[in-house]
Amino acid sequence: MNFEITVDGRAVPVVAGQSVGAALHAAGITSWRSTRHEGRPRGLFCGIGVCFDCLVTVNGRESQRACLVRARPGDEVTTS
């Protein structure tokens, strides 16, 4: 079953079983945050939850690793 999540107000398609990070990457969104001091782009890096480069807010829960959170129909994701 395919569905959509909302990322910063934009509909992003999801294939059932994908993580939020996988859905973002599949939609061509490869960077959604930046480093504090130098502003370098960050998105998926390790893809297995070891690093913290892919942090997002999912349904109001801050600092979730996008690579570990399974996308669910109707999820609201913010990246800032």
PDB file of N, CA and C in Angstrom:
ATOM      1  N   MET A   1       0.839  -1.177   0.000  1.00  0.00           N
ATOM      2  CA  MET A   1       0.000   0.000   0.000  1.00  0.00           C
ATOM      3  C   MET A   1       0.888   1.246   0.000  1.00  0.00           C
ATOM      4  N   ASN A   2       0.648   2.134  -0.903  1.00  0.00           N
ATOM      5  CA  ASN A   2       1.369   3.402  -0.965  1.00  0.00           C
ATOM      6  C   ASN A   2       0.500   4.494  -0.363  1.00  0.00           C
ATOM      7  N   PHE A   3       1.171   5.506   0.200  1.00  0.00           N
ATOM      8  CA  PHE A   3       0.463   6.615   0.833  1.00  0.00           C
ATOM      9  C   PHE A   3       1.365   7.832   0.806  1.00  0.00           C
ATOM     10  N   GLU A   4       0.929   8.908   1.437  1.00  0.00           N
ATOM     11  CA  GLU A   4       1.711  10.139   1.498  1.00  0.00           C
ATOM     12  C   GLU A   4       1.912  10.577   2.937  1.00  0.00           C
ATOM     13  N   ILE A   5       3.033  11.257   3.144  1.00  0.00           N
ATOM     14  CA  ILE A   5       3.277  11.995   4.379  1.00  0.00           C
ATOM     15  C   ILE A   5       3.471  13.449   3.973  1.00  0.00           C
ATOM     16  N   THR A   6       3.396  14.332   4.938  1.00  0.00           N
ATOM     17  CA  THR A   6       3.604  15.753   4.666  1.00  0.00           C
ATOM     18  C   THR A   6       4.928  16.175   5.282  1.00  0.00           C
ATOM     19  N   VAL A   7       5.782  16.752   4.457  1.00  0.00           N
ATOM     20  CA  VAL A   7       7.094  17.215   4.916  1.00  0.00           C
ATOM     21  C   VAL A   7       7.185  18.709   4.643  1.00  0.00           C
ATOM     22  N   ASP A   8       7.220  19.476   5.714  1.00  0.00           N
ATOM     23  CA  ASP A   8       7.258  20.940   5.597  1.00  0.00           C
ATOM     24  C   ASP A   8       6.164  21.452   4.656  1.00  0.00           C
ATOM     25  N   GLY A   9       4.978  20.860   4.764  1.00  0.00           N
ATOM     26  CA  GLY A   9       3.838  21.292   3.969  1.00  0.00           C
ATOM     27  C   GLY A   9       3.751  20.682   2.583  1.00  0.00           C
ATOM     28  N   ARG A  10       4.716  19.878   2.218  1.00  0.00           N
ATOM     29  CA  ARG A  10       4.767  19.269   0.884  1.00  0.00           C
ATOM     30  C   ARG A  10       4.419  17.785   0.982  1.00  0.00           C
ATOM     31  N   ALA A  11       3.558  17.308   0.094  1.00  0.00           N
ATOM     32  CA  ALA A  11       3.203  15.887   0.062  1.00  0.00           C
ATOM     33  C   ALA A  11       4.377  15.082  -0.489  1.00  0.00           C
ATOM     34  N   VAL A  12       4.739  14.025   0.226  1.00  0.00           N
ATOM     35  CA  VAL A  12       5.833  13.142  -0.190  1.00  0.00           C
ATOM     36  C   VAL A  12       5.281  11.716  -0.258  1.00  0.00           C
ATOM     37  N   PRO A  13       5.434  11.055  -1.410  1.00  0.00           N
ATOM     38  CA  PRO A  13       4.930   9.686  -1.529  1.00  0.00           C
ATOM     39  C   PRO A  13       5.775   8.702  -0.731  1.00  0.00           C
ATOM     40  N   VAL A  14       5.129   7.677  -0.216  1.00  0.00           N
ATOM     41  CA  VAL A  14       5.808   6.653   0.595  1.00  0.00           C
ATOM     42  C   VAL A  14       5.363   5.281   0.119  1.00  0.00           C
ATOM     43  N   VAL A  15       6.306   4.371   0.053  1.00  0.00           N
ATOM     44  CA  VAL A  15       5.996   2.965  -0.178  1.00  0.00           C
ATOM     45  C   VAL A  15       5.928   2.316   1.195  1.00  0.00           C
ATOM     46  N   ALA A  16       4.903   1.545   1.449  1.00  0.00           N
ATOM     47  CA  ALA A  16       4.730   0.918   2.757  1.00  0.00           C
ATOM     48  C   ALA A  16       6.023   0.237   3.196  1.00  0.00           C
ATOM     49  N   GLY A  17       6.398   0.475   4.448  1.00  0.00           N
ATOM     50  CA  GLY A  17       7.613  -0.102   5.017  1.00  0.00           C
ATOM     51  C   GLY A  17       8.811   0.819   4.979  1.00  0.00           C
ATOM     52  N   GLN A  18       8.728   1.916   4.236  1.00  0.00           N
ATOM     53  CA  GLN A  18       9.850   2.850   4.170  1.00  0.00           C
ATOM     54  C   GLN A  18       9.972   3.665   5.442  1.00  0.00           C
ATOM     55  N   SER A  19      11.194   4.009   5.773  1.00  0.00           N
ATOM     56  CA  SER A  19      11.419   4.973   6.842  1.00  0.00           C
ATOM     57  C   SER A  19      11.138   6.368   6.287  1.00  0.00           C
ATOM     58  N   VAL A  20      10.994   7.321   7.189  1.00  0.00           N
ATOM     59  CA  VAL A  20      10.826   8.712   6.759  1.00  0.00           C
ATOM     60  C   VAL A  20      12.022   9.125   5.915  1.00  0.00           C
ATOM     61  N   GLY A  21      13.220   8.761   6.351  1.00  0.00           N
ATOM     62  CA  GLY A  21      14.434   9.111   5.601  1.00  0.00           C
ATOM     63  C   GLY A  21      14.454   8.508   4.211  1.00  0.00           C
ATOM     64  N   ALA A  22      14.047   7.260   4.087  1.00  0.00           N
ATOM     65  CA  ALA A  22      14.012   6.604   2.769  1.00  0.00           C
ATOM     66  C   ALA A  22      13.011   7.295   1.855  1.00  0.00           C
ATOM     67  N   ALA A  23      11.862   7.676   2.404  1.00  0.00           N
ATOM     68  CA  ALA A  23      10.855   8.375   1.610  1.00  0.00           C
ATOM     69  C   ALA A  23      11.374   9.724   1.136  1.00  0.00           C
ATOM     70  N   LEU A  24      12.060  10.446   2.016  1.00  0.00           N
ATOM     71  CA  LEU A  24      12.637  11.736   1.628  1.00  0.00           C
ATOM     72  C   LEU A  24      13.656  11.545   0.515  1.00  0.00           C
ATOM     73  N   HIS A  25      14.537  10.585   0.687  1.00  0.00           N
ATOM     74  CA  HIS A  25      15.575  10.335  -0.307  1.00  0.00           C
ATOM     75  C   HIS A  25      14.965   9.932  -1.645  1.00  0.00           C
ATOM     76  N   ALA A  26      13.965   9.051  -1.621  1.00  0.00           N
ATOM     77  CA  ALA A  26      13.308   8.616  -2.850  1.00  0.00           C
ATOM     78  C   ALA A  26      12.615   9.775  -3.562  1.00  0.00           C
ATOM     79  N   ALA A  27      12.191  10.777  -2.795  1.00  0.00           N
ATOM     80  CA  ALA A  27      11.533  11.953  -3.376  1.00  0.00           C
ATOM     81  C   ALA A  27      12.539  13.002  -3.844  1.00  0.00           C
ATOM     82  N   GLY A  28      13.831  12.678  -3.734  1.00  0.00           N
ATOM     83  CA  GLY A  28      14.866  13.607  -4.189  1.00  0.00           C
ATOM     84  C   GLY A  28      15.282  14.625  -3.155  1.00  0.00           C
ATOM     85  N   ILE A  29      14.823  14.467  -1.939  1.00  0.00           N
ATOM     86  CA  ILE A  29      15.177  15.387  -0.851  1.00  0.00           C
ATOM     87  C   ILE A  29      16.358  14.768  -0.115  1.00  0.00           C
ATOM     88  N   THR A  30      17.555  15.256  -0.389  1.00  0.00           N
ATOM     89  CA  THR A  30      18.749  14.638   0.176  1.00  0.00           C
ATOM     90  C   THR A  30      19.371  15.426   1.322  1.00  0.00           C
ATOM     91  N   SER A  31      18.915  16.636   1.518  1.00  0.00           N
ATOM     92  CA  SER A  31      19.436  17.471   2.602  1.00  0.00           C
ATOM     93  C   SER A  31      18.286  18.255   3.198  1.00  0.00           C
ATOM     94  N   TRP A  32      18.162  18.219   4.538  1.00  0.00           N
ATOM     95  CA  TRP A  32      17.053  18.945   5.170  1.00  0.00           C
ATOM     96  C   TRP A  32      17.448  19.654   6.446  1.00  0.00           C
ATOM     97  N   ARG A  33      18.704  19.612   6.783  1.00  0.00           N
ATOM     98  CA  ARG A  33      19.186  20.417   7.908  1.00  0.00           C
ATOM     99  C   ARG A  33      20.612  20.804   7.616  1.00  0.00           C
ATOM    100  N   SER A  34      21.200  21.631   8.473  1.00  0.00           N
ATOM    101  CA  SER A  34      22.583  22.049   8.269  1.00  0.00           C
ATOM    102  C   SER A  34      23.309  22.104   9.605  1.00  0.00           C
ATOM    103  N   THR A  35      24.637  22.061   9.511  1.00  0.00           N
ATOM    104  CA  THR A  35      25.436  22.111  10.733  1.00  0.00           C
ATOM    105  C   THR A  35      25.302  23.483  11.373  1.00  0.00           C
ATOM    106  N   ARG A  36      25.484  23.528  12.674  1.00  0.00           N
ATOM    107  CA  ARG A  36      25.280  24.774  13.428  1.00  0.00           C
ATOM    108  C   ARG A  36      26.266  25.866  13.062  1.00  0.00           C
ATOM    109  N   HIS A  37      27.532  25.527  12.962  1.00  0.00           N
ATOM    110  CA  HIS A  37      28.554  26.563  12.813  1.00  0.00           C
ATOM    111  C   HIS A  37      28.879  26.913  11.372  1.00  0.00           C
ATOM    112  N   GLU A  38      28.920  25.940  10.504  1.00  0.00           N
ATOM    113  CA  GLU A  38      29.347  26.217   9.135  1.00  0.00           C
ATOM    114  C   GLU A  38      28.229  26.103   8.111  1.00  0.00           C
ATOM    115  N   GLY A  39      27.036  25.675   8.553  1.00  0.00           N
ATOM    116  CA  GLY A  39      25.901  25.609   7.646  1.00  0.00           C
ATOM    117  C   GLY A  39      26.002  24.538   6.570  1.00  0.00           C
ATOM    118  N   ARG A  40      26.785  23.508   6.813  1.00  0.00           N
ATOM    119  CA  ARG A  40      26.926  22.437   5.828  1.00  0.00           C
ATOM    120  C   ARG A  40      25.655  21.594   5.793  1.00  0.00           C
ATOM    121  N   PRO A  41      25.235  21.200   4.590  1.00  0.00           N
ATOM    122  CA  PRO A  41      23.982  20.435   4.462  1.00  0.00           C
ATOM    123  C   PRO A  41      24.085  19.041   5.073  1.00  0.00           C
ATOM    124  N   ARG A  42      22.978  18.597   5.653  1.00  0.00           N
ATOM    125  CA  ARG A  42      22.896  17.271   6.260  1.00  0.00           C
ATOM    126  C   ARG A  42      21.577  16.617   5.885  1.00  0.00           C
ATOM    127  N   GLY A  43      21.610  15.297   5.794  1.00  0.00           N
ATOM    128  CA  GLY A  43      20.439  14.471   5.511  1.00  0.00           C
ATOM    129  C   GLY A  43      20.783  13.068   5.967  1.00  0.00           C
ATOM    130  N   LEU A  44      20.488  12.075   5.139  1.00  0.00           N
ATOM    131  CA  LEU A  44      20.891  10.712   5.481  1.00  0.00           C
ATOM    132  C   LEU A  44      22.405  10.586   5.348  1.00  0.00           C
ATOM    133  N   PHE A  45      23.031   9.971   6.318  1.00  0.00           N
ATOM    134  CA  PHE A  45      24.465   9.709   6.238  1.00  0.00           C
ATOM    135  C   PHE A  45      24.702   8.222   6.427  1.00  0.00           C
ATOM    136  N   CYS A  46      24.497   7.738   7.641  1.00  0.00           N
ATOM    137  CA  CYS A  46      24.736   6.313   7.891  1.00  0.00           C
ATOM    138  C   CYS A  46      23.527   5.462   7.516  1.00  0.00           C
ATOM    139  N   GLY A  47      22.332   6.000   7.700  1.00  0.00           N
ATOM    140  CA  GLY A  47      21.121   5.273   7.355  1.00  0.00           C
ATOM    141  C   GLY A  47      20.734   4.161   8.314  1.00  0.00           C
ATOM    142  N   ILE A  48      21.462   4.021   9.430  1.00  0.00           N
ATOM    143  CA  ILE A  48      21.165   2.936  10.367  1.00  0.00           C
ATOM    144  C   ILE A  48      21.034   3.409  11.809  1.00  0.00           C
ATOM    145  N   GLY A  49      20.964   4.714  12.018  1.00  0.00           N
ATOM    146  CA  GLY A  49      20.709   5.242  13.351  1.00  0.00           C
ATOM    147  C   GLY A  49      21.915   5.476  14.225  1.00  0.00           C
ATOM    148  N   VAL A  50      23.111   5.366  13.653  1.00  0.00           N
ATOM    149  CA  VAL A  50      24.314   5.583  14.453  1.00  0.00           C
ATOM    150  C   VAL A  50      24.614   7.076  14.588  1.00  0.00           C
ATOM    151  N   CYS A  51      24.518   7.800  13.496  1.00  0.00           N
ATOM    152  CA  CYS A  51      24.791   9.238  13.549  1.00  0.00           C
ATOM    153  C   CYS A  51      23.483   9.991  13.822  1.00  0.00           C
ATOM    154  N   PHE A  52      23.538  11.279  13.857  1.00  0.00           N
ATOM    155  CA  PHE A  52      22.349  12.090  14.108  1.00  0.00           C
ATOM    156  C   PHE A  52      22.168  13.146  13.018  1.00  0.00           C
ATOM    157  N   ASP A  53      22.648  12.852  11.815  1.00  0.00           N
ATOM    158  CA  ASP A  53      22.550  13.820  10.726  1.00  0.00           C
ATOM    159  C   ASP A  53      21.142  13.975  10.175  1.00  0.00           C
ATOM    160  N   CYS A  54      20.266  12.998  10.374  1.00  0.00           N
ATOM    161  CA  CYS A  54      18.954  13.008   9.720  1.00  0.00           C
ATOM    162  C   CYS A  54      17.808  13.401  10.651  1.00  0.00           C
ATOM    163  N   LEU A  55      18.081  14.169  11.676  1.00  0.00           N
ATOM    164  CA  LEU A  55      17.037  14.523  12.644  1.00  0.00           C
ATOM    165  C   LEU A  55      15.888  15.303  12.014  1.00  0.00           C
ATOM    166  N   VAL A  56      14.677  14.923  12.397  1.00  0.00           N
ATOM    167  CA  VAL A  56      13.447  15.594  11.968  1.00  0.00           C
ATOM    168  C   VAL A  56      12.470  15.603  13.143  1.00  0.00           C
ATOM    169  N   THR A  57      11.389  16.333  12.991  1.00  0.00           N
ATOM    170  CA  THR A  57      10.282  16.288  13.943  1.00  0.00           C
ATOM    171  C   THR A  57       9.145  15.543  13.264  1.00  0.00           C
ATOM    172  N   VAL A  58       8.634  14.511  13.922  1.00  0.00           N
ATOM    173  CA  VAL A  58       7.549  13.702  13.362  1.00  0.00           C
ATOM    174  C   VAL A  58       6.356  13.769  14.301  1.00  0.00           C
ATOM    175  N   ASN A  59       5.264  14.314  13.795  1.00  0.00           N
ATOM    176  CA  ASN A  59       4.032  14.452  14.588  1.00  0.00           C
ATOM    177  C   ASN A  59       4.284  15.127  15.936  1.00  0.00           C
ATOM    178  N   GLY A  60       5.120  16.166  15.908  1.00  0.00           N
ATOM    179  CA  GLY A  60       5.403  16.941  17.113  1.00  0.00           C
ATOM    180  C   GLY A  60       6.523  16.385  17.985  1.00  0.00           C
ATOM    181  N   ARG A  61       7.008  15.209  17.686  1.00  0.00           N
ATOM    182  CA  ARG A  61       8.111  14.614  18.457  1.00  0.00           C
ATOM    183  C   ARG A  61       9.429  15.042  17.833  1.00  0.00           C
ATOM    184  N   GLU A  62      10.165  15.877  18.551  1.00  0.00           N
ATOM    185  CA  GLU A  62      11.402  16.451  18.035  1.00  0.00           C
ATOM    186  C   GLU A  62      12.561  15.453  18.078  1.00  0.00           C
ATOM    187  N   SER A  63      13.577  15.745  17.288  1.00  0.00           N
ATOM    188  CA  SER A  63      14.855  15.025  17.282  1.00  0.00           C
ATOM    189  C   SER A  63      14.704  13.529  17.030  1.00  0.00           C
ATOM    190  N   GLN A  64      13.873  13.196  16.054  1.00  0.00           N
ATOM    191  CA  GLN A  64      13.713  11.804  15.638  1.00  0.00           C
ATOM    192  C   GLN A  64      14.661  11.528  14.475  1.00  0.00           C
ATOM    193  N   ARG A  65      15.337  10.404  14.505  1.00  0.00           N
ATOM    194  CA  ARG A  65      16.211  10.038  13.389  1.00  0.00           C
ATOM    195  C   ARG A  65      15.346   9.497  12.258  1.00  0.00           C
ATOM    196  N   ALA A  66      15.348  10.227  11.141  1.00  0.00           N
ATOM    197  CA  ALA A  66      14.489   9.891   9.999  1.00  0.00           C
ATOM    198  C   ALA A  66      14.763   8.490   9.469  1.00  0.00           C
ATOM    199  N   CYS A  67      15.978   8.015   9.625  1.00  0.00           N
ATOM    200  CA  CYS A  67      16.318   6.689   9.109  1.00  0.00           C
ATOM    201  C   CYS A  67      15.710   5.574   9.957  1.00  0.00           C
ATOM    202  N   LEU A  68      15.302   5.874  11.180  1.00  0.00           N
ATOM    203  CA  LEU A  68      14.761   4.855  12.072  1.00  0.00           C
ATOM    204  C   LEU A  68      13.244   4.895  12.217  1.00  0.00           C
ATOM    205  N   VAL A  69      12.631   6.013  11.869  1.00  0.00           N
ATOM    206  CA  VAL A  69      11.189   6.174  12.061  1.00  0.00           C
ATOM    207  C   VAL A  69      10.461   5.665  10.826  1.00  0.00           C
ATOM    208  N   ARG A  70       9.640   4.632  11.010  1.00  0.00           N
ATOM    209  CA  ARG A  70       8.843   4.123   9.891  1.00  0.00           C
ATOM    210  C   ARG A  70       7.742   5.117   9.581  1.00  0.00           C
ATOM    211  N   ALA A  71       7.635   5.476   8.314  1.00  0.00           N
ATOM    212  CA  ALA A  71       6.593   6.403   7.888  1.00  0.00           C
ATOM    213  C   ALA A  71       5.219   5.752   8.001  1.00  0.00           C
ATOM    214  N   ARG A  72       4.261   6.548   8.473  1.00  0.00           N
ATOM    215  CA  ARG A  72       2.876   6.085   8.608  1.00  0.00           C
ATOM    216  C   ARG A  72       1.952   7.062   7.865  1.00  0.00           C
ATOM    217  N   PRO A  73       0.852   6.568   7.341  1.00  0.00           N
ATOM    218  CA  PRO A  73      -0.063   7.458   6.616  1.00  0.00           C
ATOM    219  C   PRO A  73      -0.436   8.678   7.468  1.00  0.00           C
ATOM    220  N   GLY A  74      -0.320   9.839   6.848  1.00  0.00           N
ATOM    221  CA  GLY A  74      -0.718  11.077   7.509  1.00  0.00           C
ATOM    222  C   GLY A  74       0.338  11.695   8.401  1.00  0.00           C
ATOM    223  N   ASP A  75       1.522  11.105   8.476  1.00  0.00           N
ATOM    224  CA  ASP A  75       2.584  11.702   9.308  1.00  0.00           C
ATOM    225  C   ASP A  75       2.860  13.133   8.875  1.00  0.00           C
ATOM    226  N   GLU A  76       3.093  13.991   9.862  1.00  0.00           N
ATOM    227  CA  GLU A  76       3.474  15.383   9.640  1.00  0.00           C
ATOM    228  C   GLU A  76       4.934  15.506  10.054  1.00  0.00           C
ATOM    229  N   VAL A  77       5.789  15.795   9.104  1.00  0.00           N
ATOM    230  CA  VAL A  77       7.227  15.887   9.342  1.00  0.00           C
ATOM    231  C   VAL A  77       7.677  17.311   9.117  1.00  0.00           C
ATOM    232  N   THR A  78       8.461  17.840  10.046  1.00  0.00           N
ATOM    233  CA  THR A  78       9.091  19.147   9.847  1.00  0.00           C
ATOM    234  C   THR A  78      10.589  18.978   9.990  1.00  0.00           C
ATOM    235  N   THR A  79      11.299  19.782   9.234  1.00  0.00           N
ATOM    236  CA  THR A  79      12.756  19.626   9.192  1.00  0.00           C
ATOM    237  C   THR A  79      13.509  20.766   9.848  1.00  0.00           C
ATOM    238  N   SER A  80      12.822  21.820  10.240  1.00  0.00           N
ATOM    239  CA  SER A  80      13.557  22.947  10.841  1.00  0.00           C
ATOM    240  C   SER A  80      13.414  22.976  12.332  1.00  0.00           C
TER     241      SER A  80
END
